[in-house]
């Protein structure tokens, strides 16, 4: 079982067992669905999502069988995970986090490795380490193909982005 950190429970909300989750996970629509299993804390306590909603910068969750604040207070401050296998990704699908460590290929030339991913509120940027470090917008203008099996991202028009 490969667990992926999807955020941290930062507080409770109300008295009916809802938790506030602070999450920078990009593919929230894959994870935050009724019936999906999540794992809480170091002990990886398994819970099933009962409800989900977005509120301000938080993701709000309730769990099956929990309807009292006293049952979730103990999770405050705990990280929350999902099992990658539960996402049912096919061989061509990937998570943005999977791009970290992939090679950037432009034509036949290797132009670096994805070191990190940032969301600057205007879009997602891939931070590339190379002779000079640079950013590539994660969009169809630059990213043409992601080859998950070869761990390569085929891009074009990126030489102008390398300062």
C-alpha atoms as a PDB file:
ATOM      1  CA  UNK A   1       0.000   0.000   0.000  1.00  0.00           C
ATOM      2  CA  UNK A   2       1.515   3.333  -1.122  1.00  0.00           C
ATOM      3  CA  UNK A   3       0.092   6.155   0.966  1.00  0.00           C
ATOM      4  CA  UNK A   4       0.076   9.720  -0.342  1.00  0.00           C
ATOM      5  CA  UNK A   5      -0.141  12.686   2.013  1.00  0.00           C
ATOM      6  CA  UNK A   6      -3.162  14.764   1.013  1.00  0.00           C
ATOM      7  CA  UNK A   7      -3.097  17.307   3.831  1.00  0.00           C
ATOM      8  CA  UNK A   8      -3.320  17.990   7.522  1.00  0.00           C
ATOM      9  CA  UNK A   9      -6.319  18.236   9.824  1.00  0.00           C
ATOM     10  CA  UNK A  10      -5.928  21.698  11.323  1.00  0.00           C
ATOM     11  CA  UNK A  11      -9.124  21.933  13.345  1.00  0.00           C
ATOM     12  CA  UNK A  12     -12.680  20.794  13.853  1.00  0.00           C
ATOM     13  CA  UNK A  13     -15.728  22.690  12.636  1.00  0.00           C
ATOM     14  CA  UNK A  14     -19.016  22.780  14.479  1.00  0.00           C
ATOM     15  CA  UNK A  15     -20.147  20.071  16.882  1.00  0.00           C
ATOM     16  CA  UNK A  16     -21.143  17.304  14.455  1.00  0.00           C
ATOM     17  CA  UNK A  17     -17.690  15.838  13.787  1.00  0.00           C
ATOM     18  CA  UNK A  18     -16.587  17.849  10.757  1.00  0.00           C
ATOM     19  CA  UNK A  19     -12.844  18.465  10.336  1.00  0.00           C
ATOM     20  CA  UNK A  20     -10.969  21.294   8.588  1.00  0.00           C
ATOM     21  CA  UNK A  21      -8.262  20.003   6.317  1.00  0.00           C
ATOM     22  CA  UNK A  22      -5.504  22.182   4.891  1.00  0.00           C
ATOM     23  CA  UNK A  23      -4.483  20.541   1.634  1.00  0.00           C
ATOM     24  CA  UNK A  24      -2.222  21.496  -1.258  1.00  0.00           C
ATOM     25  CA  UNK A  25      -3.030  18.237  -3.052  1.00  0.00           C
ATOM     26  CA  UNK A  26      -3.814  19.082  -6.682  1.00  0.00           C
ATOM     27  CA  UNK A  27      -6.248  16.354  -7.750  1.00  0.00           C
ATOM     28  CA  UNK A  28      -8.855  16.871  -5.044  1.00  0.00           C
ATOM     29  CA  UNK A  29     -11.671  15.631  -7.280  1.00  0.00           C
ATOM     30  CA  UNK A  30     -10.042  12.166  -7.263  1.00  0.00           C
ATOM     31  CA  UNK A  31      -9.683  12.008  -3.500  1.00  0.00           C
ATOM     32  CA  UNK A  32     -12.484  13.847  -1.762  1.00  0.00           C
ATOM     33  CA  UNK A  33     -15.416  11.629  -2.720  1.00  0.00           C
ATOM     34  CA  UNK A  34     -18.043  10.017  -0.544  1.00  0.00           C
ATOM     35  CA  UNK A  35     -16.982   6.431   0.142  1.00  0.00           C
ATOM     36  CA  UNK A  36     -13.228   6.945  -0.373  1.00  0.00           C
ATOM     37  CA  UNK A  37     -11.027   5.652   2.414  1.00  0.00           C
ATOM     38  CA  UNK A  38      -8.451   7.897   4.073  1.00  0.00           C
ATOM     39  CA  UNK A  39      -5.813   7.134   6.702  1.00  0.00           C
ATOM     40  CA  UNK A  40      -5.171   9.486   9.613  1.00  0.00           C
ATOM     41  CA  UNK A  41      -1.965  10.055  11.571  1.00  0.00           C
ATOM     42  CA  UNK A  42       1.083   7.887  12.185  1.00  0.00           C
ATOM     43  CA  UNK A  43      -1.170   4.957  13.104  1.00  0.00           C
ATOM     44  CA  UNK A  44      -2.931   5.270   9.717  1.00  0.00           C
ATOM     45  CA  UNK A  45      -6.406   5.018  11.245  1.00  0.00           C
ATOM     46  CA  UNK A  46      -8.773   4.116   8.402  1.00  0.00           C
ATOM     47  CA  UNK A  47     -11.856   6.291   7.922  1.00  0.00           C
ATOM     48  CA  UNK A  48     -14.397   6.537   5.113  1.00  0.00           C
ATOM     49  CA  UNK A  49     -15.376   9.961   3.772  1.00  0.00           C
ATOM     50  CA  UNK A  50     -19.053  10.673   4.394  1.00  0.00           C
ATOM     51  CA  UNK A  51     -19.250  14.282   3.147  1.00  0.00           C
ATOM     52  CA  UNK A  52     -16.932  16.792   1.518  1.00  0.00           C
ATOM     53  CA  UNK A  53     -17.191  20.493   0.867  1.00  0.00           C
ATOM     54  CA  UNK A  54     -14.798  23.350   0.202  1.00  0.00           C
ATOM     55  CA  UNK A  55     -14.916  26.333   2.574  1.00  0.00           C
ATOM     56  CA  UNK A  56     -12.533  29.294   2.157  1.00  0.00           C
ATOM     57  CA  UNK A  57      -9.039  27.755   1.876  1.00  0.00           C
ATOM     58  CA  UNK A  58     -10.095  24.568   3.684  1.00  0.00           C
ATOM     59  CA  UNK A  59     -11.420  21.182   2.649  1.00  0.00           C
ATOM     60  CA  UNK A  60     -14.139  20.093   5.066  1.00  0.00           C
ATOM     61  CA  UNK A  61     -14.730  16.391   5.719  1.00  0.00           C
ATOM     62  CA  UNK A  62     -16.987  14.205   7.799  1.00  0.00           C
ATOM     63  CA  UNK A  63     -16.460  10.487   8.232  1.00  0.00           C
ATOM     64  CA  UNK A  64     -18.919   7.587   8.266  1.00  0.00           C
ATOM     65  CA  UNK A  65     -20.181   6.812  11.755  1.00  0.00           C
ATOM     66  CA  UNK A  66     -18.869  10.027  13.330  1.00  0.00           C
ATOM     67  CA  UNK A  67     -21.305  12.782  14.237  1.00  0.00           C
ATOM     68  CA  UNK A  68     -19.768  14.298  17.366  1.00  0.00           C
ATOM     69  CA  UNK A  69     -16.892  16.753  17.769  1.00  0.00           C
ATOM     70  CA  UNK A  70     -15.468  14.670  20.630  1.00  0.00           C
ATOM     71  CA  UNK A  71     -14.814  11.791  18.216  1.00  0.00           C
ATOM     72  CA  UNK A  72     -12.570  13.904  15.933  1.00  0.00           C
ATOM     73  CA  UNK A  73     -10.756  16.209  18.365  1.00  0.00           C
ATOM     74  CA  UNK A  74      -7.985  13.613  18.690  1.00  0.00           C
ATOM     75  CA  UNK A  75      -7.182  13.997  14.952  1.00  0.00           C
ATOM     76  CA  UNK A  76      -6.412  17.720  15.177  1.00  0.00           C
ATOM     77  CA  UNK A  77      -2.863  18.283  13.887  1.00  0.00           C
ATOM     78  CA  UNK A  78      -2.647  14.865  12.210  1.00  0.00           C
ATOM     79  CA  UNK A  79      -1.666  14.288   8.595  1.00  0.00           C
ATOM     80  CA  UNK A  80      -4.170  12.519   6.372  1.00  0.00           C
ATOM     81  CA  UNK A  81      -3.333  10.075   3.579  1.00  0.00           C
ATOM     82  CA  UNK A  82      -4.957   8.168   0.735  1.00  0.00           C
ATOM     83  CA  UNK A  83      -3.917   4.830  -0.729  1.00  0.00           C
ATOM     84  CA  UNK A  84      -2.659   5.403  -4.284  1.00  0.00           C
ATOM     85  CA  UNK A  85      -4.320   2.151  -5.435  1.00  0.00           C
ATOM     86  CA  UNK A  86      -7.727   3.545  -4.373  1.00  0.00           C
ATOM     87  CA  UNK A  87      -7.401   6.262  -7.022  1.00  0.00           C
ATOM     88  CA  UNK A  88      -7.698   3.617  -9.787  1.00  0.00           C
ATOM     89  CA  UNK A  89      -5.300   5.410 -12.129  1.00  0.00           C
ATOM     90  CA  UNK A  90      -4.622   3.690 -15.441  1.00  0.00           C
ATOM     91  CA  UNK A  91      -1.089   3.344 -16.809  1.00  0.00           C
ATOM     92  CA  UNK A  92      -1.240   6.687 -18.653  1.00  0.00           C
ATOM     93  CA  UNK A  93      -2.784   8.644 -15.772  1.00  0.00           C
ATOM     94  CA  UNK A  94      -0.630  10.301 -13.143  1.00  0.00           C
ATOM     95  CA  UNK A  95      -0.716  12.704 -10.241  1.00  0.00           C
ATOM     96  CA  UNK A  96       1.082  16.041 -10.482  1.00  0.00           C
ATOM     97  CA  UNK A  97       3.352  14.851  -7.674  1.00  0.00           C
ATOM     98  CA  UNK A  98       4.499  12.042 -10.005  1.00  0.00           C
ATOM     99  CA  UNK A  99       6.164  14.642 -12.251  1.00  0.00           C
ATOM    100  CA  UNK A 100       8.815  15.367  -9.620  1.00  0.00           C
ATOM    101  CA  UNK A 101      12.018  13.652 -10.709  1.00  0.00           C
ATOM    102  CA  UNK A 102      11.003  13.335 -14.370  1.00  0.00           C
ATOM    103  CA  UNK A 103      13.350  14.478 -17.151  1.00  0.00           C
ATOM    104  CA  UNK A 104      12.361  17.402 -19.383  1.00  0.00           C
ATOM    105  CA  UNK A 105      13.003  16.577 -23.045  1.00  0.00           C
ATOM    106  CA  UNK A 106      12.783  19.185 -25.815  1.00  0.00           C
ATOM    107  CA  UNK A 107      13.427  17.684 -29.241  1.00  0.00           C
ATOM    108  CA  UNK A 108      16.176  15.181 -28.472  1.00  0.00           C
ATOM    109  CA  UNK A 109      17.794  17.330 -25.798  1.00  0.00           C
ATOM    110  CA  UNK A 110      17.503  16.809 -22.041  1.00  0.00           C
ATOM    111  CA  UNK A 111      16.844  20.195 -20.426  1.00  0.00           C
ATOM    112  CA  UNK A 112      16.655  19.310 -16.757  1.00  0.00           C
ATOM    113  CA  UNK A 113      14.640  17.501 -14.117  1.00  0.00           C
ATOM    114  CA  UNK A 114      11.427  18.537 -12.381  1.00  0.00           C
ATOM    115  CA  UNK A 115      12.458  19.417  -8.841  1.00  0.00           C
ATOM    116  CA  UNK A 116       9.189  20.804  -7.484  1.00  0.00           C
ATOM    117  CA  UNK A 117       5.695  21.994  -8.379  1.00  0.00           C
ATOM    118  CA  UNK A 118       4.211  25.365  -7.455  1.00  0.00           C
ATOM    119  CA  UNK A 119       0.758  26.841  -7.776  1.00  0.00           C
ATOM    120  CA  UNK A 120       1.063  30.616  -8.139  1.00  0.00           C
ATOM    121  CA  UNK A 121      -2.736  31.094  -8.308  1.00  0.00           C
ATOM    122  CA  UNK A 122      -2.440  31.900 -12.030  1.00  0.00           C
ATOM    123  CA  UNK A 123      -1.447  28.354 -12.875  1.00  0.00           C
ATOM    124  CA  UNK A 124       0.807  25.482 -12.014  1.00  0.00           C
ATOM    125  CA  UNK A 125       4.544  25.841 -12.562  1.00  0.00           C
ATOM    126  CA  UNK A 126       7.139  23.080 -12.797  1.00  0.00           C
ATOM    127  CA  UNK A 127      10.466  24.073 -11.224  1.00  0.00           C
ATOM    128  CA  UNK A 128      13.256  22.624 -13.351  1.00  0.00           C
ATOM    129  CA  UNK A 129      16.842  22.140 -12.199  1.00  0.00           C
ATOM    130  CA  UNK A 130      19.470  22.306 -14.899  1.00  0.00           C
ATOM    131  CA  UNK A 131      22.644  24.296 -15.600  1.00  0.00           C
ATOM    132  CA  UNK A 132      20.322  27.246 -14.904  1.00  0.00           C
ATOM    133  CA  UNK A 133      17.146  26.625 -12.939  1.00  0.00           C
ATOM    134  CA  UNK A 134      13.874  27.767 -14.492  1.00  0.00           C
ATOM    135  CA  UNK A 135      10.092  27.343 -14.452  1.00  0.00           C
ATOM    136  CA  UNK A 136       7.765  25.848 -17.063  1.00  0.00           C
ATOM    137  CA  UNK A 137       4.026  26.557 -16.989  1.00  0.00           C
ATOM    138  CA  UNK A 138       2.151  23.255 -16.795  1.00  0.00           C
ATOM    139  CA  UNK A 139      -0.068  23.736 -19.829  1.00  0.00           C
ATOM    140  CA  UNK A 140      -0.489  22.541 -23.416  1.00  0.00           C
ATOM    141  CA  UNK A 141       1.604  25.396 -24.826  1.00  0.00           C
ATOM    142  CA  UNK A 142       4.740  23.850 -23.327  1.00  0.00           C
ATOM    143  CA  UNK A 143       3.963  20.312 -22.137  1.00  0.00           C
ATOM    144  CA  UNK A 144       3.179  18.053 -25.082  1.00  0.00           C
ATOM    145  CA  UNK A 145       3.394  14.574 -23.567  1.00  0.00           C
ATOM    146  CA  UNK A 146       4.097  12.916 -20.242  1.00  0.00           C
ATOM    147  CA  UNK A 147       5.584   9.427 -20.511  1.00  0.00           C
ATOM    148  CA  UNK A 148       5.022   7.923 -17.085  1.00  0.00           C
ATOM    149  CA  UNK A 149       6.827   4.652 -17.850  1.00  0.00           C
ATOM    150  CA  UNK A 150      10.006   6.395 -19.083  1.00  0.00           C
ATOM    151  CA  UNK A 151       9.718   9.208 -16.511  1.00  0.00           C
ATOM    152  CA  UNK A 152       9.978  11.829 -19.259  1.00  0.00           C
ATOM    153  CA  UNK A 153       8.096  15.009 -20.040  1.00  0.00           C
ATOM    154  CA  UNK A 154       8.235  16.033 -23.682  1.00  0.00           C
ATOM    155  CA  UNK A 155       8.028  19.790 -24.057  1.00  0.00           C
ATOM    156  CA  UNK A 156       8.436  22.427 -26.715  1.00  0.00           C
ATOM    157  CA  UNK A 157       9.088  26.167 -26.829  1.00  0.00           C
ATOM    158  CA  UNK A 158      10.868  26.095 -23.477  1.00  0.00           C
ATOM    159  CA  UNK A 159      14.335  27.295 -24.461  1.00  0.00           C
ATOM    160  CA  UNK A 160      13.105  30.888 -24.212  1.00  0.00           C
ATOM    161  CA  UNK A 161      12.155  30.250 -20.581  1.00  0.00           C
ATOM    162  CA  UNK A 162      15.743  29.374 -19.616  1.00  0.00           C
ATOM    163  CA  UNK A 163      17.332  32.681 -18.626  1.00  0.00           C
END
